[in-house]
C-alpha atoms as a PDB file:
ATOM      1  CA  MET A   1     133.833  54.162 138.152  1.00  0.00           C
ATOM      2  CA  THR A   2     134.410  57.837 137.808  1.00  0.00           C
ATOM      3  CA  TYR A   3     137.145  60.107 138.892  1.00  0.00           C
ATOM      4  CA  ASN A   4     136.779  62.760 141.606  1.00  0.00           C
ATOM      5  CA  LEU A   5     136.660  65.974 139.745  1.00  0.00           C
ATOM      6  CA  ALA A   6     137.062  69.430 141.168  1.00  0.00           C
ATOM      7  CA  PRO A   7     133.827  70.694 142.386  1.00  0.00           C
ATOM      8  CA  LYS A   8     131.870  73.257 140.259  1.00  0.00           C
ATOM      9  CA  ASN A   9     132.833  76.122 142.557  1.00  0.00           C
ATOM     10  CA  ALA A  10     136.505  75.285 142.385  1.00  0.00           C
ATOM     11  CA  PRO A  11     139.015  77.902 140.861  1.00  0.00           C
ATOM     12  CA  TRP A  12     139.515  77.767 137.035  1.00  0.00           C
ATOM     13  CA  PHE A  13     142.932  76.118 137.116  1.00  0.00           C
ATOM     14  CA  GLU A  14     141.423  72.943 138.974  1.00  0.00           C
ATOM     15  CA  HIS A  15     139.040  72.454 136.076  1.00  0.00           C
ATOM     16  CA  LEU A  16     141.831  73.126 133.554  1.00  0.00           C
ATOM     17  CA  THR A  17     143.900  70.321 135.188  1.00  0.00           C
ATOM     18  CA  ASP A  18     140.910  68.010 134.916  1.00  0.00           C
ATOM     19  CA  SER A  19     140.455  68.878 131.236  1.00  0.00           C
ATOM     20  CA  VAL A  20     143.985  67.938 130.414  1.00  0.00           C
ATOM     21  CA  ARG A  21     143.867  64.938 132.363  1.00  0.00           C
ATOM     22  CA  GLY A  22     140.700  63.839 130.609  1.00  0.00           C
ATOM     23  CA  LEU A  23     142.684  64.190 127.227  1.00  0.00           C
ATOM     24  CA  GLY A  24     145.427  61.863 128.786  1.00  0.00           C
ATOM     25  CA  GLU A  25     142.860  59.234 130.036  1.00  0.00           C
ATOM     26  CA  ALA A  26     141.339  59.116 126.505  1.00  0.00           C
ATOM     27  CA  ALA A  27     144.656  58.705 124.812  1.00  0.00           C
ATOM     28  CA  ARG A  28     145.586  55.933 127.332  1.00  0.00           C
ATOM     29  CA  GLU A  29     142.279  54.007 126.509  1.00  0.00           C
ATOM     30  CA  TRP A  30     143.058  54.217 122.932  1.00  0.00           C
ATOM     31  CA  GLN A  31     146.765  53.088 123.542  1.00  0.00           C
ATOM     32  CA  LEU A  32     145.434  50.018 125.473  1.00  0.00           C
ATOM     33  CA  ALA A  33     142.970  49.144 122.756  1.00  0.00           C
ATOM     34  CA  ASP A  34     145.806  49.575 120.111  1.00  0.00           C
ATOM     35  CA  ARG A  35     147.986  47.180 122.149  1.00  0.00           C
ATOM     36  CA  ALA A  36     145.283  44.647 122.291  1.00  0.00           C
ATOM     37  CA  ALA A  37     144.387  45.015 118.621  1.00  0.00           C
ATOM     38  CA  ALA A  38     148.036  44.592 117.591  1.00  0.00           C
ATOM     39  CA  LEU A  39     148.282  41.471 119.807  1.00  0.00           C
ATOM     40  CA  ALA A  40     145.086  39.899 118.179  1.00  0.00           C
ATOM     41  CA  GLU A  41     146.403  40.432 114.737  1.00  0.00           C
ATOM     42  CA  ALA A  42     149.822  38.768 115.575  1.00  0.00           C
ATOM     43  CA  HIS A  43     147.823  35.601 116.579  1.00  0.00           C
ATOM     44  CA  VAL A  44     146.799  35.318 112.857  1.00  0.00           C
ATOM     45  CA  GLU A  45     150.271  35.978 111.175  1.00  0.00           C
ATOM     46  CA  LEU A  46     150.781  33.483 108.527  1.00  0.00           C
ATOM     47  CA  GLU A  47     154.314  32.968 109.238  1.00  0.00           C
ATOM     48  CA  ARG A  48     153.473  31.786 112.861  1.00  0.00           C
ATOM     49  CA  SER A  49     150.649  29.657 111.850  1.00  0.00           C
ATOM     50  CA  THR A  50     150.189  26.091 110.578  1.00  0.00           C
ATOM     51  CA  LEU A  51     146.947  25.662 108.896  1.00  0.00           C
ATOM     52  CA  HIS A  52     145.073  22.290 108.832  1.00  0.00           C
ATOM     53  CA  GLU A  53     144.620  21.050 105.535  1.00  0.00           C
ATOM     54  CA  GLY A  54     141.311  19.269 106.193  1.00  0.00           C
ATOM     55  CA  LYS A  55     138.744  19.928 103.572  1.00  0.00           C
ATOM     56  CA  VAL A  56     134.940  19.915 103.254  1.00  0.00           C
ATOM     57  CA  ARG A  57     132.623  20.017 100.246  1.00  0.00           C
ATOM     58  CA  HIS A  58     129.891  22.608  99.783  1.00  0.00           C
ATOM     59  CA  GLN A  59     127.201  21.636  97.599  1.00  0.00           C
ATOM     60  CA  PRO A  60     124.187  23.612  96.279  1.00  0.00           C
ATOM     61  CA  GLY A  61     120.958  23.349  97.903  1.00  0.00           C
ATOM     62  CA  PRO A  62     117.445  24.162  96.368  1.00  0.00           C
ATOM     63  CA  ASP A  63     117.558  27.865  97.341  1.00  0.00           C
ATOM     64  CA  THR A  64     121.267  28.425  96.405  1.00  0.00           C
ATOM     65  CA  PRO A  65     121.607  31.454  94.115  1.00  0.00           C
ATOM     66  CA  PRO A  66     122.685  30.419  90.637  1.00  0.00           C
ATOM     67  CA  PHE A  67     126.099  31.951  90.691  1.00  0.00           C
ATOM     68  CA  TYR A  68     126.942  29.371  93.637  1.00  0.00           C
ATOM     69  CA  ARG A  69     125.221  26.441  92.089  1.00  0.00           C
ATOM     70  CA  SER A  70     128.409  24.396  91.805  1.00  0.00           C
ATOM     71  CA  THR A  71     130.171  22.022  94.198  1.00  0.00           C
ATOM     72  CA  ARG A  72     133.174  23.660  95.928  1.00  0.00           C
ATOM     73  CA  THR A  73     135.934  22.235  98.151  1.00  0.00           C
ATOM     74  CA  ARG A  74     136.885  24.393 101.017  1.00  0.00           C
ATOM     75  CA  THR A  75     139.552  24.275 103.928  1.00  0.00           C
ATOM     76  CA  PRO A  76     137.668  25.346 106.991  1.00  0.00           C
ATOM     77  CA  HIS A  77     140.878  26.412 109.041  1.00  0.00           C
ATOM     78  CA  ALA A  78     142.230  28.534 106.124  1.00  0.00           C
ATOM     79  CA  ASP A  79     138.834  30.179 105.665  1.00  0.00           C
ATOM     80  CA  ALA A  80     138.620  31.014 109.294  1.00  0.00           C
ATOM     81  CA  PHE A  81     142.200  32.145 109.424  1.00  0.00           C
ATOM     82  CA  PHE A  82     142.101  34.719 106.687  1.00  0.00           C
ATOM     83  CA  THR A  83     138.692  35.974 107.607  1.00  0.00           C
ATOM     84  CA  LEU A  84     140.045  36.604 111.111  1.00  0.00           C
ATOM     85  CA  HIS A  85     143.260  38.292 109.732  1.00  0.00           C
ATOM     86  CA  ARG A  86     141.248  40.717 107.680  1.00  0.00           C
ATOM     87  CA  ILE A  87     138.888  41.524 110.641  1.00  0.00           C
ATOM     88  CA  TYR A  88     141.886  42.086 113.215  1.00  0.00           C
ATOM     89  CA  MET A  89     143.898  44.029 110.672  1.00  0.00           C
ATOM     90  CA  GLU A  90     141.036  46.490 110.117  1.00  0.00           C
ATOM     91  CA  HIS A  91     140.510  46.778 113.803  1.00  0.00           C
ATOM     92  CA  ARG A  92     143.994  47.413 114.318  1.00  0.00           C
ATOM     93  CA  PHE A  93     144.001  50.025 111.674  1.00  0.00           C
ATOM     94  CA  ARG A  94     140.957  51.833 113.351  1.00  0.00           C
ATOM     95  CA  THR A  95     142.513  51.789 116.908  1.00  0.00           C
ATOM     96  CA  ARG A  96     146.017  53.024 115.597  1.00  0.00           C
ATOM     97  CA  ARG A  97     144.219  55.900 113.918  1.00  0.00           C
ATOM     98  CA  GLU A  98     142.068  56.801 116.887  1.00  0.00           C
ATOM     99  CA  TYR A  99     145.132  56.413 119.268  1.00  0.00           C
ATOM    100  CA  GLY A 100     147.157  58.689 117.171  1.00  0.00           C
ATOM    101  CA  HIS A 101     144.584  61.285 117.061  1.00  0.00           C
ATOM    102  CA  ALA A 102     143.889  61.228 120.802  1.00  0.00           C
ATOM    103  CA  ALA A 103     147.670  61.335 121.546  1.00  0.00           C
ATOM    104  CA  LEU A 104     148.068  64.322 119.459  1.00  0.00           C
ATOM    105  CA  LEU A 105     145.074  66.049 121.253  1.00  0.00           C
ATOM    106  CA  PHE A 106     146.529  65.281 124.510  1.00  0.00           C
ATOM    107  CA  ALA A 107     149.912  66.685 123.544  1.00  0.00           C
ATOM    108  CA  SER A 108     148.697  69.861 121.905  1.00  0.00           C
ATOM    109  CA  GLY A 109     145.881  70.368 124.598  1.00  0.00           C
ATOM    110  CA  GLY A 110     148.618  70.395 127.244  1.00  0.00           C
ATOM    111  CA  ALA A 111     150.755  72.753 125.450  1.00  0.00           C
ATOM    112  CA  TRP A 112     147.749  74.930 124.621  1.00  0.00           C
ATOM    113  CA  ALA A 113     146.824  75.052 128.235  1.00  0.00           C
ATOM    114  CA  ILE A 114     150.440  76.210 129.164  1.00  0.00           C
ATOM    115  CA  ARG A 115     150.443  79.068 126.570  1.00  0.00           C
ATOM    116  CA  GLN A 116     146.989  80.247 127.885  1.00  0.00           C
ATOM    117  CA  VAL A 117     148.274  80.499 131.479  1.00  0.00           C
ATOM    118  CA  GLN A 118     151.419  82.205 130.395  1.00  0.00           C
ATOM    119  CA  ALA A 119     149.371  84.683 128.520  1.00  0.00           C
ATOM    120  CA  GLY A 120     147.453  85.684 131.689  1.00  0.00           C
ATOM    121  CA  GLU A 121     144.227  83.831 130.465  1.00  0.00           C
ATOM    122  CA  GLN A 122     142.060  81.835 132.844  1.00  0.00           C
ATOM    123  CA  PRO A 123     140.500  79.041 130.639  1.00  0.00           C
ATOM    124  CA  ASP A 124     138.618  76.204 132.686  1.00  0.00           C
ATOM    125  CA  ARG A 125     139.062  73.542 130.142  1.00  0.00           C
ATOM    126  CA  VAL A 126     141.009  73.095 126.753  1.00  0.00           C
ATOM    127  CA  ALA A 127     139.214  74.261 123.658  1.00  0.00           C
ATOM    128  CA  PHE A 128     139.607  72.829 120.233  1.00  0.00           C
ATOM    129  CA  GLU A 129     138.439  73.934 116.705  1.00  0.00           C
ATOM    130  CA  LEU A 130     136.411  71.313 114.643  1.00  0.00           C
ATOM    131  CA  ASP A 131     137.528  70.582 111.026  1.00  0.00           C
ATOM    132  CA  GLY A 132     135.318  70.677 107.953  1.00  0.00           C
ATOM    133  CA  TYR A 133     134.700  67.153 107.248  1.00  0.00           C
ATOM    134  CA  GLU A 134     131.136  65.542 107.136  1.00  0.00           C
ATOM    135  CA  GLN A 135     131.554  64.418 110.642  1.00  0.00           C
ATOM    136  CA  PRO A 136     133.744  66.991 112.384  1.00  0.00           C
ATOM    137  CA  ALA A 137     136.488  66.257 114.578  1.00  0.00           C
ATOM    138  CA  PRO A 138     138.653  68.400 116.916  1.00  0.00           C
ATOM    139  CA  MET A 139     141.848  69.538 115.289  1.00  0.00           C
ATOM    140  CA  PRO A 140     145.176  69.487 117.386  1.00  0.00           C
ATOM    141  CA  HIS A 141     146.811  72.663 118.362  1.00  0.00           C
ATOM    142  CA  ARG A 142     150.556  73.306 117.830  1.00  0.00           C
ATOM    143  CA  TYR A 143     152.786  71.459 120.320  1.00  0.00           C
ATOM    144  CA  LYS A 144     155.594  73.870 121.213  1.00  0.00           C
ATOM    145  CA  VAL A 145     156.103  74.685 124.810  1.00  0.00           C
ATOM    146  CA  GLU A 146     158.187  77.748 125.627  1.00  0.00           C
ATOM    147  CA  GLY A 147     158.943  79.916 128.561  1.00  0.00           C
ATOM    148  CA  VAL A 148     159.746  77.070 130.937  1.00  0.00           C
ATOM    149  CA  ASP A 149     163.451  77.306 131.012  1.00  0.00           C
ATOM    150  CA  ASN A 150     163.711  77.241 134.800  1.00  0.00           C
ATOM    151  CA  TYR A 151     161.566  74.235 135.041  1.00  0.00           C
ATOM    152  CA  VAL A 152     163.460  71.002 136.033  1.00  0.00           C
ATOM    153  CA  HIS A 153     162.310  68.886 133.133  1.00  0.00           C
ATOM    154  CA  ALA A 154     162.652  71.637 130.599  1.00  0.00           C
ATOM    155  CA  ARG A 155     165.389  69.826 128.585  1.00  0.00           C
ATOM    156  CA  LYS A 156     163.156  66.614 128.433  1.00  0.00           C
ATOM    157  CA  ILE A 157     160.352  68.636 126.950  1.00  0.00           C
ATOM    158  CA  ALA A 158     162.554  70.182 124.252  1.00  0.00           C
ATOM    159  CA  GLU A 159     163.804  66.741 123.299  1.00  0.00           C
ATOM    160  CA  ALA A 160     160.483  65.271 123.185  1.00  0.00           C
ATOM    161  CA  TYR A 161     159.142  68.021 121.304  1.00  0.00           C
ATOM    162  CA  ASP A 162     161.951  67.709 118.580  1.00  0.00           C
ATOM    163  CA  ARG A 163     161.392  63.987 118.428  1.00  0.00           C
ATOM    164  CA  LEU A 164     157.705  64.395 117.836  1.00  0.00           C
ATOM    165  CA  LEU A 165     158.059  66.947 115.365  1.00  0.00           C
ATOM    166  CA  SER A 166     160.446  64.920 113.253  1.00  0.00           C
ATOM    167  CA  MET A 167     158.301  62.023 113.401  1.00  0.00           C
ATOM    168  CA  GLU A 168     155.247  63.916 112.303  1.00  0.00           C
ATOM    169  CA  MET A 169     157.064  65.438 109.395  1.00  0.00           C
ATOM    170  CA  ALA A 170     158.269  62.068 108.471  1.00  0.00           C
ATOM    171  CA  ALA A 171     154.641  60.719 108.569  1.00  0.00           C
ATOM    172  CA  GLU A 172     153.254  63.776 106.407  1.00  0.00           C
ATOM    173  CA  HIS A 173     156.083  63.040 103.875  1.00  0.00           C
ATOM    174  CA  ALA A 174     155.196  59.262 103.459  1.00  0.00           C
ATOM    175  CA  GLU A 175     151.503  59.987 103.240  1.00  0.00           C
ATOM    176  CA  GLU A 176     152.152  62.753 100.501  1.00  0.00           C
ATOM    177  CA  ILE A 177     153.994  60.209  98.393  1.00  0.00           C
ATOM    178  CA  ALA A 178     151.536  57.581  98.930  1.00  0.00           C
ATOM    179  CA  GLY A 179     148.778  59.875  97.764  1.00  0.00           C
ATOM    180  CA  ARG A 180     150.393  60.515  94.456  1.00  0.00           C
ATOM    181  CA  ASP A 181     149.427  58.710  91.179  1.00  0.00           C
ATOM    182  CA  ASP A 182     151.223  55.506  90.678  1.00  0.00           C
ATOM    183  CA  ARG A 183     152.741  57.040  87.464  1.00  0.00           C
ATOM    184  CA  ASP A 184     154.301  59.923  89.350  1.00  0.00           C
ATOM    185  CA  VAL A 185     156.079  57.802  91.877  1.00  0.00           C
ATOM    186  CA  THR A 186     159.537  56.630  90.859  1.00  0.00           C
ATOM    187  CA  GLU A 187     161.635  53.939  92.588  1.00  0.00           C
ATOM    188  CA  ARG A 188     163.460  56.509  94.610  1.00  0.00           C
ATOM    189  CA  ASP A 189     160.118  58.003  95.752  1.00  0.00           C
ATOM    190  CA  ALA A 190     159.045  54.626  96.910  1.00  0.00           C
ATOM    191  CA  SER A 191     162.273  54.036  98.796  1.00  0.00           C
ATOM    192  CA  ASP A 192     161.852  57.467 100.345  1.00  0.00           C
ATOM    193  CA  MET A 193     158.317  56.645 101.362  1.00  0.00           C
ATOM    194  CA  PHE A 194     159.160  53.513 103.109  1.00  0.00           C
ATOM    195  CA  ASP A 195     162.046  55.099 104.918  1.00  0.00           C
ATOM    196  CA  ALA A 196     159.810  58.092 106.149  1.00  0.00           C
ATOM    197  CA  ALA A 197     157.304  55.453 107.375  1.00  0.00           C
ATOM    198  CA  ASP A 198     159.867  53.700 109.371  1.00  0.00           C
ATOM    199  CA  ALA A 199     161.114  57.094 110.806  1.00  0.00           C
ATOM    200  CA  ALA A 200     157.486  57.874 111.730  1.00  0.00           C
ATOM    201  CA  ARG A 201     156.948  54.401 113.313  1.00  0.00           C
ATOM    202  CA  GLY A 202     155.987  55.009 117.050  1.00  0.00           C
ATOM    203  CA  LEU A 203     154.498  58.663 116.356  1.00  0.00           C
ATOM    204  CA  GLU A 204     151.442  57.784 118.456  1.00  0.00           C
ATOM    205  CA  ASP A 205     153.784  56.748 121.633  1.00  0.00           C
ATOM    206  CA  ALA A 206     155.740  59.869 121.154  1.00  0.00           C
ATOM    207  CA  ALA A 207     152.802  62.204 121.001  1.00  0.00           C
ATOM    208  CA  TYR A 208     151.456  60.394 124.223  1.00  0.00           C
ATOM    209  CA  ALA A 209     154.798  60.817 125.953  1.00  0.00           C
ATOM    210  CA  TYR A 210     155.024  64.473 125.262  1.00  0.00           C
ATOM    211  CA  GLY A 211     151.492  64.897 126.386  1.00  0.00           C
ATOM    212  CA  LEU A 212     152.675  63.532 129.852  1.00  0.00           C
ATOM    213  CA  LEU A 213     155.361  66.036 129.929  1.00  0.00           C
ATOM    214  CA  ALA A 214     153.173  68.784 128.993  1.00  0.00           C
ATOM    215  CA  GLU A 215     150.784  67.952 131.757  1.00  0.00           C
ATOM    216  CA  GLN A 216     153.576  67.901 134.284  1.00  0.00           C
ATOM    217  CA  ALA A 217     154.639  71.290 132.881  1.00  0.00           C
ATOM    218  CA  LEU A 218     151.290  72.733 133.373  1.00  0.00           C
ATOM    219  CA  MET A 219     151.340  71.936 136.880  1.00  0.00           C
ATOM    220  CA  TYR A 220     154.673  74.366 137.114  1.00  0.00           C
ATOM    221  CA  VAL A 221     153.217  77.224 135.169  1.00  0.00           C
ATOM    222  CA  LEU A 222     150.064  77.050 137.388  1.00  0.00           C
ATOM    223  CA  LEU A 223     152.109  77.668 140.623  1.00  0.00           C
ATOM    224  CA  GLY A 224     151.898  81.368 140.189  1.00  0.00           C
ATOM    225  CA  PRO A 225     148.117  81.438 139.812  1.00  0.00           C
ATOM    226  CA  LYS A 226     147.628  79.124 142.556  1.00  0.00           C
ATOM    227  CA  ASP A 227     149.767  81.326 144.765  1.00  0.00           C
ATOM    228  CA  ALA A 228     147.905  84.384 143.909  1.00  0.00           C
ATOM    229  CA  HIS A 229     144.499  82.475 144.625  1.00  0.00           C
ATOM    230  CA  ARG A 230     145.814  81.406 147.892  1.00  0.00           C
ATOM    231  CA  LYS A 231     146.760  84.965 148.824  1.00  0.00           C
ATOM    232  CA  GLN A 232     143.467  86.414 147.654  1.00  0.00           C
ATOM    233  CA  LEU A 233     141.652  83.914 149.842  1.00  0.00           C
ATOM    234  CA  ALA A 234     143.793  84.859 152.792  1.00  0.00           C
ATOM    235  CA  GLU A 235     143.150  88.602 152.360  1.00  0.00           C
ATOM    236  CA  GLN A 236     139.429  87.646 152.139  1.00  0.00           C
ATOM    237  CA  ARG A 237     139.427  85.754 155.417  1.00  0.00           C
ATOM    238  CA  VAL A 238     141.296  88.742 157.143  1.00  0.00           C
ATOM    239  CA  ALA A 239     138.774  91.168 155.830  1.00  0.00           C
ATOM    240  CA  GLN A 240     136.012  88.822 157.059  1.00  0.00           C
ATOM    241  CA  ALA A 241     137.593  88.477 160.432  1.00  0.00           C
ATOM    242  CA  GLN A 242     137.976  92.199 160.930  1.00  0.00           C
ATOM    243  CA  ALA A 243     134.387  92.921 159.861  1.00  0.00           C
ATOM    244  CA  GLY A 244     133.211  90.312 162.340  1.00  0.00           C
ATOM    245  CA  THR A 245     135.101  91.869 165.397  1.00  0.00           C
ATOM    246  CA  GLU A 246     133.956  95.420 164.762  1.00  0.00           C
ATOM    247  CA  ASP A 247     130.838  96.374 166.812  1.00  0.00           C
ATOM    248  CA  PRO A 248     128.051  97.027 164.221  1.00  0.00           C
ATOM    249  CA  CYS A 249     126.437  99.574 166.531  1.00  0.00           C
ATOM    250  CA  HIS A 250     127.116 103.021 168.112  1.00  0.00           C
ATOM    251  CA  PRO A 251     127.475 103.303 171.886  1.00  0.00           C
ATOM    252  CA  CYS A 252     123.851 104.489 172.084  1.00  0.00           C
ATOM    253  CA  GLY A 253     122.665 101.383 170.180  1.00  0.00           C
ATOM    254  CA  CYS A 254     122.052 102.879 166.716  1.00  0.00           C
ATOM    255  CA  PRO A 255     123.286 100.739 163.884  1.00  0.00           C
ATOM    256  CA  LYS A 256     126.344 102.015 162.167  1.00  0.00           C
ATOM    257  CA  ARG A 257     124.962 100.949 158.734  1.00  0.00           C
ATOM    258  CA  PHE A 258     122.588 103.892 158.828  1.00  0.00           C
ATOM    259  CA  GLU A 259     123.834 107.381 158.001  1.00  0.00           C
ATOM    260  CA  ARG A 260     122.169 108.941 160.982  1.00  0.00           C
ATOM    261  CA  HIS A 261     121.087 108.127 164.492  1.00  0.00           C
ATOM    262  CA  ALA A 262     117.384 107.173 165.202  1.00  0.00           C
ATOM    263  CA  ASP A 263     114.864 109.771 166.238  1.00  0.00           C
ATOM    264  CA  GLY A 264     114.876 110.291 170.057  1.00  0.00           C
ATOM    265  CA  CYS A 265     118.456 108.838 170.278  1.00  0.00           C
ATOM    266  CA  PRO A 266     120.275 110.451 173.415  1.00  0.00           C
ATOM    267  CA  THR A 267     123.166 111.166 171.100  1.00  0.00           C
ATOM    268  CA  LEU A 268     121.085 113.494 169.146  1.00  0.00           C
ATOM    269  CA  ALA A 269     119.942 115.369 172.202  1.00  0.00           C
ATOM    270  CA  ALA A 270     123.558 115.675 173.448  1.00  0.00           C
ATOM    271  CA  GLU A 271     124.529 116.965 170.087  1.00  0.00           C
ATOM    272  CA  GLY A 272     121.817 119.562 170.245  1.00  0.00           C
ATOM    273  CA  GLU A 273     122.975 120.802 173.668  1.00  0.00           C
ATOM    274  CA  THR A 274     126.396 121.361 172.580  1.00  0.00           C
ATOM    275  CA  THR A 275     125.409 123.324 169.466  1.00  0.00           C
END
């Protein structure tokens, strides 16, 4: 299934709207994947599980590598449980990271589109710069949205921006402490890191929510360009109608698109008599 996008010959603001919506759909897909990954991980939480203690014996065979040539007792349920826990945890880390990045692109992309329109630009899609890593990824823009004081949801946007900025700063602080050498981290630093991580919890959802508000605000700032476009189309239709009603020929039958009458035209003879 694909969405009905604006046709290629549609005005620029229709394509810009599709571009921001595409960012929102991408963030939504990662959000759903992250929810599913978290649910899968929850199914293998040790606190909620009762492991069966039935055991099996693993004996070396003729082709078993030397390191494993000893009889070992295993607990199949525990082995499966902890293997799944590792797989689900790694999967959730991946989906959470991707969701966060997609949500920030959505939030900042909507804000970027608003600023471009306010500056009189006419972009047909959101543009991002790539970072300098081995596998470059798009870098989010800044999230600030201004100049929408008369918009009905201006206060919601401001509050959502403050919440997003605060959570992002907390996440950066926690990450900065976690990146220090263990010898440089005091007990107070460790406490600050956990507090900052708690304050940043839900950053991805906050970015996605802000993206939805920015997308709605984009519709507001596009009212002016859309109205100007409608007036331009109306003027073109009036001009075309006037051109269609005007007789393309002189009374003598000579086309008006030429600067002179045709040779032998009665009009030329009449003009010669008057002169």
